[in-house]
Amino acid sequence: ALLQERSLEMENLDVTVIAEKPKLSGFTDSMRKNLCEDLNVDLSQVSIKATTTEGLGFTGRQEGIAVHALVLVKKV
């Protein structure tokens, strides 16, 4: 709704989930589908990847999960 108010639309969404556990590779397809439904966009516009920090930092110590998300928007 905020994008529509500003005459913008989402071009694509790229998400990287950083977690040691649980292993998310088996869930990324369903996560993509859910995001597409929520955002009302095509599956080709959403990318989700999962990675670890190989034991480094708070995510490596399994104290939390981090996410990097990048959204490209364009003027309609």
PDB file of N, CA and C in Angstrom:
ATOM      1  N   ALA A   1       0.826  -1.187   0.000  1.00  0.00           N
ATOM      2  CA  ALA A   1       0.000   0.000   0.000  1.00  0.00           C
ATOM      3  C   ALA A   1       0.876   1.259   0.000  1.00  0.00           C
ATOM      4  N   LEU A   2       1.974   1.233   0.755  1.00  0.00           N
ATOM      5  CA  LEU A   2       2.854   2.403   0.800  1.00  0.00           C
ATOM      6  C   LEU A   2       3.489   2.683  -0.558  1.00  0.00           C
ATOM      7  N   LEU A   3       3.877   1.623  -1.246  1.00  0.00           N
ATOM      8  CA  LEU A   3       4.455   1.807  -2.572  1.00  0.00           C
ATOM      9  C   LEU A   3       3.433   2.388  -3.531  1.00  0.00           C
ATOM     10  N   GLN A   4       2.217   1.863  -3.502  1.00  0.00           N
ATOM     11  CA  GLN A   4       1.158   2.353  -4.390  1.00  0.00           C
ATOM     12  C   GLN A   4       0.864   3.824  -4.134  1.00  0.00           C
ATOM     13  N   GLU A   5       0.859   4.234  -2.869  1.00  0.00           N
ATOM     14  CA  GLU A   5       0.623   5.643  -2.528  1.00  0.00           C
ATOM     15  C   GLU A   5       1.667   6.557  -3.150  1.00  0.00           C
ATOM     16  N   ARG A   6       2.860   6.023  -3.345  1.00  0.00           N
ATOM     17  CA  ARG A   6       3.968   6.822  -3.893  1.00  0.00           C
ATOM     18  C   ARG A   6       4.228   6.525  -5.370  1.00  0.00           C
ATOM     19  N   SER A   7       3.292   5.849  -6.016  1.00  0.00           N
ATOM     20  CA  SER A   7       3.403   5.479  -7.431  1.00  0.00           C
ATOM     21  C   SER A   7       4.657   4.652  -7.709  1.00  0.00           C
ATOM     22  N   LEU A   8       4.920   3.699  -6.826  1.00  0.00           N
ATOM     23  CA  LEU A   8       6.059   2.797  -6.978  1.00  0.00           C
ATOM     24  C   LEU A   8       5.563   1.364  -7.002  1.00  0.00           C
ATOM     25  N   GLU A   9       6.382   0.484  -7.574  1.00  0.00           N
ATOM     26  CA  GLU A   9       6.090  -0.941  -7.484  1.00  0.00           C
ATOM     27  C   GLU A   9       7.405  -1.697  -7.309  1.00  0.00           C
ATOM     28  N   MET A  10       7.310  -2.856  -6.707  1.00  0.00           N
ATOM     29  CA  MET A  10       8.490  -3.663  -6.467  1.00  0.00           C
ATOM     30  C   MET A  10       8.941  -4.338  -7.756  1.00  0.00           C
ATOM     31  N   GLU A  11      10.198  -4.167  -8.067  1.00  0.00           N
ATOM     32  CA  GLU A  11      10.787  -4.826  -9.237  1.00  0.00           C
ATOM     33  C   GLU A  11      11.252  -6.234  -8.850  1.00  0.00           C
ATOM     34  N   ASN A  12      12.037  -6.312  -7.753  1.00  0.00           N
ATOM     35  CA  ASN A  12      12.430  -7.623  -7.248  1.00  0.00           C
ATOM     36  C   ASN A  12      12.855  -7.531  -5.794  1.00  0.00           C
ATOM     37  N   LEU A  13      12.925  -8.690  -5.163  1.00  0.00           N
ATOM     38  CA  LEU A  13      13.296  -8.826  -3.759  1.00  0.00           C
ATOM     39  C   LEU A  13      14.332  -9.922  -3.659  1.00  0.00           C
ATOM     40  N   ASP A  14      15.456  -9.628  -3.002  1.00  0.00           N
ATOM     41  CA  ASP A  14      16.516 -10.608  -2.809  1.00  0.00           C
ATOM     42  C   ASP A  14      16.771 -10.723  -1.307  1.00  0.00           C
ATOM     43  N   VAL A  15      16.586 -11.922  -0.757  1.00  0.00           N
ATOM     44  CA  VAL A  15      16.703 -12.157   0.674  1.00  0.00           C
ATOM     45  C   VAL A  15      17.778 -13.205   0.931  1.00  0.00           C
ATOM     46  N   THR A  16      18.636 -12.931   1.911  1.00  0.00           N
ATOM     47  CA  THR A  16      19.601 -13.914   2.388  1.00  0.00           C
ATOM     48  C   THR A  16      19.370 -14.099   3.881  1.00  0.00           C
ATOM     49  N   VAL A  17      19.069 -15.337   4.273  1.00  0.00           N
ATOM     50  CA  VAL A  17      18.860 -15.671   5.681  1.00  0.00           C
ATOM     51  C   VAL A  17      20.149 -16.303   6.190  1.00  0.00           C
ATOM     52  N   ILE A  18      20.676 -15.787   7.310  1.00  0.00           N
ATOM     53  CA  ILE A  18      21.936 -16.264   7.867  1.00  0.00           C
ATOM     54  C   ILE A  18      21.639 -16.967   9.184  1.00  0.00           C
ATOM     55  N   ALA A  19      21.838 -18.287   9.208  1.00  0.00           N
ATOM     56  CA  ALA A  19      21.561 -19.080  10.406  1.00  0.00           C
ATOM     57  C   ALA A  19      22.359 -20.371  10.369  1.00  0.00           C
ATOM     58  N   GLU A  20      22.875 -20.775  11.509  1.00  0.00           N
ATOM     59  CA  GLU A  20      23.553 -22.064  11.599  1.00  0.00           C
ATOM     60  C   GLU A  20      22.516 -23.189  11.622  1.00  0.00           C
ATOM     61  N   LYS A  21      21.480 -23.002  12.427  1.00  0.00           N
ATOM     62  CA  LYS A  21      20.396 -23.974  12.539  1.00  0.00           C
ATOM     63  C   LYS A  21      19.101 -23.207  12.677  1.00  0.00           C
ATOM     64  N   PRO A  22      18.024 -23.650  12.175  1.00  0.00           N
ATOM     65  CA  PRO A  22      17.857 -24.870  11.402  1.00  0.00           C
ATOM     66  C   PRO A  22      18.385 -24.695   9.978  1.00  0.00           C
ATOM     67  N   LYS A  23      18.669 -25.776   9.330  1.00  0.00           N
ATOM     68  CA  LYS A  23      19.060 -25.727   7.922  1.00  0.00           C
ATOM     69  C   LYS A  23      17.817 -25.370   7.120  1.00  0.00           C
ATOM     70  N   LEU A  24      17.888 -24.304   6.338  1.00  0.00           N
ATOM     71  CA  LEU A  24      16.710 -23.756   5.673  1.00  0.00           C
ATOM     72  C   LEU A  24      16.594 -24.108   4.204  1.00  0.00           C
ATOM     73  N   SER A  25      17.580 -24.771   3.638  1.00  0.00           N
ATOM     74  CA  SER A  25      17.564 -25.013   2.192  1.00  0.00           C
ATOM     75  C   SER A  25      16.307 -25.737   1.726  1.00  0.00           C
ATOM     76  N   GLY A  26      15.743 -26.582   2.544  1.00  0.00           N
ATOM     77  CA  GLY A  26      14.528 -27.302   2.160  1.00  0.00           C
ATOM     78  C   GLY A  26      13.263 -26.469   2.251  1.00  0.00           C
ATOM     79  N   PHE A  27      13.373 -25.268   2.799  1.00  0.00           N
ATOM     80  CA  PHE A  27      12.200 -24.424   3.015  1.00  0.00           C
ATOM     81  C   PHE A  27      12.155 -23.176   2.133  1.00  0.00           C
ATOM     82  N   THR A  28      13.227 -22.909   1.398  1.00  0.00           N
ATOM     83  CA  THR A  28      13.288 -21.646   0.661  1.00  0.00           C
ATOM     84  C   THR A  28      12.219 -21.536  -0.429  1.00  0.00           C
ATOM     85  N   ASP A  29      11.875 -22.636  -1.065  1.00  0.00           N
ATOM     86  CA  ASP A  29      10.830 -22.575  -2.100  1.00  0.00           C
ATOM     87  C   ASP A  29       9.482 -22.181  -1.500  1.00  0.00           C
ATOM     88  N   SER A  30       9.116 -22.779  -0.380  1.00  0.00           N
ATOM     89  CA  SER A  30       7.835 -22.419   0.248  1.00  0.00           C
ATOM     90  C   SER A  30       7.884 -21.006   0.814  1.00  0.00           C
ATOM     91  N   MET A  31       9.039 -20.576   1.294  1.00  0.00           N
ATOM     92  CA  MET A  31       9.183 -19.200   1.780  1.00  0.00           C
ATOM     93  C   MET A  31       8.981 -18.213   0.626  1.00  0.00           C
ATOM     94  N   ARG A  32       9.565 -18.530  -0.534  1.00  0.00           N
ATOM     95  CA  ARG A  32       9.385 -17.676  -1.723  1.00  0.00           C
ATOM     96  C   ARG A  32       7.919 -17.580  -2.102  1.00  0.00           C
ATOM     97  N   LYS A  33       7.239 -18.725  -2.151  1.00  0.00           N
ATOM     98  CA  LYS A  33       5.826 -18.737  -2.529  1.00  0.00           C
ATOM     99  C   LYS A  33       4.985 -17.920  -1.563  1.00  0.00           C
ATOM    100  N   ASN A  34       5.261 -18.056  -0.256  1.00  0.00           N
ATOM    101  CA  ASN A  34       4.511 -17.287   0.739  1.00  0.00           C
ATOM    102  C   ASN A  34       4.745 -15.793   0.586  1.00  0.00           C
ATOM    103  N   LEU A  35       5.991 -15.399   0.366  1.00  0.00           N
ATOM    104  CA  LEU A  35       6.282 -13.981   0.169  1.00  0.00           C
ATOM    105  C   LEU A  35       5.594 -13.441  -1.087  1.00  0.00           C
ATOM    106  N   CYS A  36       5.611 -14.214  -2.149  1.00  0.00           N
ATOM    107  CA  CYS A  36       4.959 -13.787  -3.392  1.00  0.00           C
ATOM    108  C   CYS A  36       3.463 -13.570  -3.188  1.00  0.00           C
ATOM    109  N   GLU A  37       2.842 -14.478  -2.458  1.00  0.00           N
ATOM    110  CA  GLU A  37       1.413 -14.326  -2.181  1.00  0.00           C
ATOM    111  C   GLU A  37       1.152 -13.088  -1.333  1.00  0.00           C
ATOM    112  N   ASP A  38       1.969 -12.896  -0.302  1.00  0.00           N
ATOM    113  CA  ASP A  38       1.791 -11.736   0.580  1.00  0.00           C
ATOM    114  C   ASP A  38       2.031 -10.416  -0.147  1.00  0.00           C
ATOM    115  N   LEU A  39       3.019 -10.400  -1.037  1.00  0.00           N
ATOM    116  CA  LEU A  39       3.379  -9.171  -1.747  1.00  0.00           C
ATOM    117  C   LEU A  39       2.639  -9.001  -3.068  1.00  0.00           C
ATOM    118  N   ASN A  40       1.904 -10.044  -3.464  1.00  0.00           N
ATOM    119  CA  ASN A  40       1.161 -10.021  -4.718  1.00  0.00           C
ATOM    120  C   ASN A  40       2.081  -9.752  -5.913  1.00  0.00           C
ATOM    121  N   VAL A  41       3.174 -10.535  -5.973  1.00  0.00           N
ATOM    122  CA  VAL A  41       4.130 -10.425  -7.074  1.00  0.00           C
ATOM    123  C   VAL A  41       4.383 -11.814  -7.645  1.00  0.00           C
ATOM    124  N   ASP A  42       5.032 -11.845  -8.796  1.00  0.00           N
ATOM    125  CA  ASP A  42       5.359 -13.100  -9.474  1.00  0.00           C
ATOM    126  C   ASP A  42       6.536 -13.793  -8.789  1.00  0.00           C
ATOM    127  N   LEU A  43       6.555 -15.102  -8.852  1.00  0.00           N
ATOM    128  CA  LEU A  43       7.620 -15.899  -8.248  1.00  0.00           C
ATOM    129  C   LEU A  43       9.000 -15.509  -8.776  1.00  0.00           C
ATOM    130  N   SER A  44       9.067 -15.093 -10.013  1.00  0.00           N
ATOM    131  CA  SER A  44      10.358 -14.716 -10.610  1.00  0.00           C
ATOM    132  C   SER A  44      10.932 -13.434  -9.995  1.00  0.00           C
ATOM    133  N   GLN A  45      10.139 -12.705  -9.232  1.00  0.00           N
ATOM    134  CA  GLN A  45      10.593 -11.451  -8.636  1.00  0.00           C
ATOM    135  C   GLN A  45      11.182 -11.620  -7.238  1.00  0.00           C
ATOM    136  N   VAL A  46      11.155 -12.831  -6.704  1.00  0.00           N
ATOM    137  CA  VAL A  46      11.618 -13.052  -5.338  1.00  0.00           C
ATOM    138  C   VAL A  46      12.693 -14.140  -5.316  1.00  0.00           C
ATOM    139  N   SER A  47      13.803 -13.822  -4.661  1.00  0.00           N
ATOM    140  CA  SER A  47      14.902 -14.773  -4.490  1.00  0.00           C
ATOM    141  C   SER A  47      15.191 -14.907  -2.997  1.00  0.00           C
ATOM    142  N   ILE A  48      15.327 -16.137  -2.526  1.00  0.00           N
ATOM    143  CA  ILE A  48      15.689 -16.385  -1.134  1.00  0.00           C
ATOM    144  C   ILE A  48      16.836 -17.379  -1.105  1.00  0.00           C
ATOM    145  N   LYS A  49      17.876 -17.007  -0.344  1.00  0.00           N
ATOM    146  CA  LYS A  49      19.028 -17.881  -0.162  1.00  0.00           C
ATOM    147  C   LYS A  49      19.252 -18.057   1.333  1.00  0.00           C
ATOM    148  N   ALA A  50      19.856 -19.169   1.711  1.00  0.00           N
ATOM    149  CA  ALA A  50      20.207 -19.415   3.103  1.00  0.00           C
ATOM    150  C   ALA A  50      21.691 -19.725   3.184  1.00  0.00           C
ATOM    151  N   THR A  51      22.338 -19.201   4.228  1.00  0.00           N
ATOM    152  CA  THR A  51      23.765 -19.437   4.411  1.00  0.00           C
ATOM    153  C   THR A  51      24.079 -19.485   5.900  1.00  0.00           C
ATOM    154  N   THR A  52      25.317 -19.855   6.217  1.00  0.00           N
ATOM    155  CA  THR A  52      25.792 -19.863   7.597  1.00  0.00           C
ATOM    156  C   THR A  52      26.995 -18.938   7.702  1.00  0.00           C
ATOM    157  N   THR A  53      27.445 -18.713   8.920  1.00  0.00           N
ATOM    158  CA  THR A  53      28.674 -17.947   9.124  1.00  0.00           C
ATOM    159  C   THR A  53      29.809 -18.848   9.586  1.00  0.00           C
ATOM    160  N   GLU A  54      29.622 -20.163   9.389  1.00  0.00           N
ATOM    161  CA  GLU A  54      30.660 -21.147   9.730  1.00  0.00           C
ATOM    162  C   GLU A  54      31.118 -20.997  11.176  1.00  0.00           C
ATOM    163  N   GLY A  55      30.170 -20.778  12.078  1.00  0.00           N
ATOM    164  CA  GLY A  55      30.484 -20.717  13.501  1.00  0.00           C
ATOM    165  C   GLY A  55      30.909 -19.361  14.016  1.00  0.00           C
ATOM    166  N   LEU A  56      30.938 -18.339  13.175  1.00  0.00           N
ATOM    167  CA  LEU A  56      31.399 -17.019  13.598  1.00  0.00           C
ATOM    168  C   LEU A  56      30.239 -16.129  14.036  1.00  0.00           C
ATOM    169  N   GLY A  57      30.494 -15.279  15.012  1.00  0.00           N
ATOM    170  CA  GLY A  57      29.520 -14.280  15.449  1.00  0.00           C
ATOM    171  C   GLY A  57      28.328 -14.873  16.175  1.00  0.00           C
ATOM    172  N   PHE A  58      27.343 -13.999  16.451  1.00  0.00           N
ATOM    173  CA  PHE A  58      26.172 -14.452  17.202  1.00  0.00           C
ATOM    174  C   PHE A  58      25.359 -15.483  16.439  1.00  0.00           C
ATOM    175  N   THR A  59      25.331 -15.382  15.107  1.00  0.00           N
ATOM    176  CA  THR A  59      24.603 -16.400  14.342  1.00  0.00           C
ATOM    177  C   THR A  59      25.357 -17.723  14.370  1.00  0.00           C
ATOM    178  N   GLY A  60      26.665 -17.661  14.327  1.00  0.00           N
ATOM    179  CA  GLY A  60      27.473 -18.877  14.387  1.00  0.00           C
ATOM    180  C   GLY A  60      27.382 -19.577  15.726  1.00  0.00           C
ATOM    181  N   ARG A  61      27.193 -18.784  16.793  1.00  0.00           N
ATOM    182  CA  ARG A  61      27.016 -19.359  18.129  1.00  0.00           C
ATOM    183  C   ARG A  61      25.566 -19.784  18.367  1.00  0.00           C
ATOM    184  N   GLN A  62      24.730 -19.662  17.335  1.00  0.00           N
ATOM    185  CA  GLN A  62      23.319 -20.031  17.383  1.00  0.00           C
ATOM    186  C   GLN A  62      22.535 -19.204  18.405  1.00  0.00           C
ATOM    187  N   GLU A  63      22.915 -17.933  18.535  1.00  0.00           N
ATOM    188  CA  GLU A  63      22.226 -17.023  19.441  1.00  0.00           C
ATOM    189  C   GLU A  63      21.149 -16.227  18.714  1.00  0.00           C
ATOM    190  N   GLY A  64      21.071 -16.365  17.412  1.00  0.00           N
ATOM    191  CA  GLY A  64      20.070 -15.638  16.650  1.00  0.00           C
ATOM    192  C   GLY A  64      20.205 -15.917  15.168  1.00  0.00           C
ATOM    193  N   ILE A  65      19.316 -15.293  14.426  1.00  0.00           N
ATOM    194  CA  ILE A  65      19.286 -15.408  12.967  1.00  0.00           C
ATOM    195  C   ILE A  65      19.326 -14.000  12.403  1.00  0.00           C
ATOM    196  N   ALA A  66      20.048 -13.808  11.321  1.00  0.00           N
ATOM    197  CA  ALA A  66      20.125 -12.508  10.657  1.00  0.00           C
ATOM    198  C   ALA A  66      19.554 -12.635   9.249  1.00  0.00           C
ATOM    199  N   VAL A  67      19.056 -11.520   8.733  1.00  0.00           N
ATOM    200  CA  VAL A  67      18.504 -11.499   7.376  1.00  0.00           C
ATOM    201  C   VAL A  67      18.959 -10.230   6.673  1.00  0.00           C
ATOM    202  N   HIS A  68      19.428 -10.394   5.449  1.00  0.00           N
ATOM    203  CA  HIS A  68      19.716  -9.257   4.570  1.00  0.00           C
ATOM    204  C   HIS A  68      18.646  -9.269   3.489  1.00  0.00           C
ATOM    205  N   ALA A  69      17.975  -8.147   3.302  1.00  0.00           N
ATOM    206  CA  ALA A  69      16.936  -8.058   2.270  1.00  0.00           C
ATOM    207  C   ALA A  69      17.170  -6.801   1.447  1.00  0.00           C
ATOM    208  N   LEU A  70      17.122  -6.971   0.150  1.00  0.00           N
ATOM    209  CA  LEU A  70      17.305  -5.867  -0.778  1.00  0.00           C
ATOM    210  C   LEU A  70      16.102  -5.832  -1.714  1.00  0.00           C
ATOM    211  N   VAL A  71      15.468  -4.676  -1.780  1.00  0.00           N
ATOM    212  CA  VAL A  71      14.281  -4.513  -2.615  1.00  0.00           C
ATOM    213  C   VAL A  71      14.549  -3.432  -3.653  1.00  0.00           C
ATOM    214  N   LEU A  72      14.340  -3.764  -4.906  1.00  0.00           N
ATOM    215  CA  LEU A  72      14.454  -2.783  -5.977  1.00  0.00           C
ATOM    216  C   LEU A  72      13.048  -2.323  -6.333  1.00  0.00           C
ATOM    217  N   VAL A  73      12.824  -1.017  -6.269  1.00  0.00           N
ATOM    218  CA  VAL A  73      11.509  -0.470  -6.621  1.00  0.00           C
ATOM    219  C   VAL A  73      11.664   0.438  -7.828  1.00  0.00           C
ATOM    220  N   LYS A  74      10.559   0.595  -8.546  1.00  0.00           N
ATOM    221  CA  LYS A  74      10.593   1.483  -9.704  1.00  0.00           C
ATOM    222  C   LYS A  74       9.336   2.357  -9.709  1.00  0.00           C
ATOM    223  N   LYS A  75       9.464   3.497 -10.328  1.00  0.00           N
ATOM    224  CA  LYS A  75       8.355   4.433 -10.486  1.00  0.00           C
ATOM    225  C   LYS A  75       7.417   3.880 -11.531  1.00  0.00           C
ATOM    226  N   VAL A  76       6.128   3.941 -11.253  1.00  0.00           N
ATOM    227  CA  VAL A  76       5.128   3.428 -12.195  1.00  0.00           C
ATOM    228  C   VAL A  76       4.712   4.522 -13.149  1.00  0.00           C
TER     229      VAL A  76
END
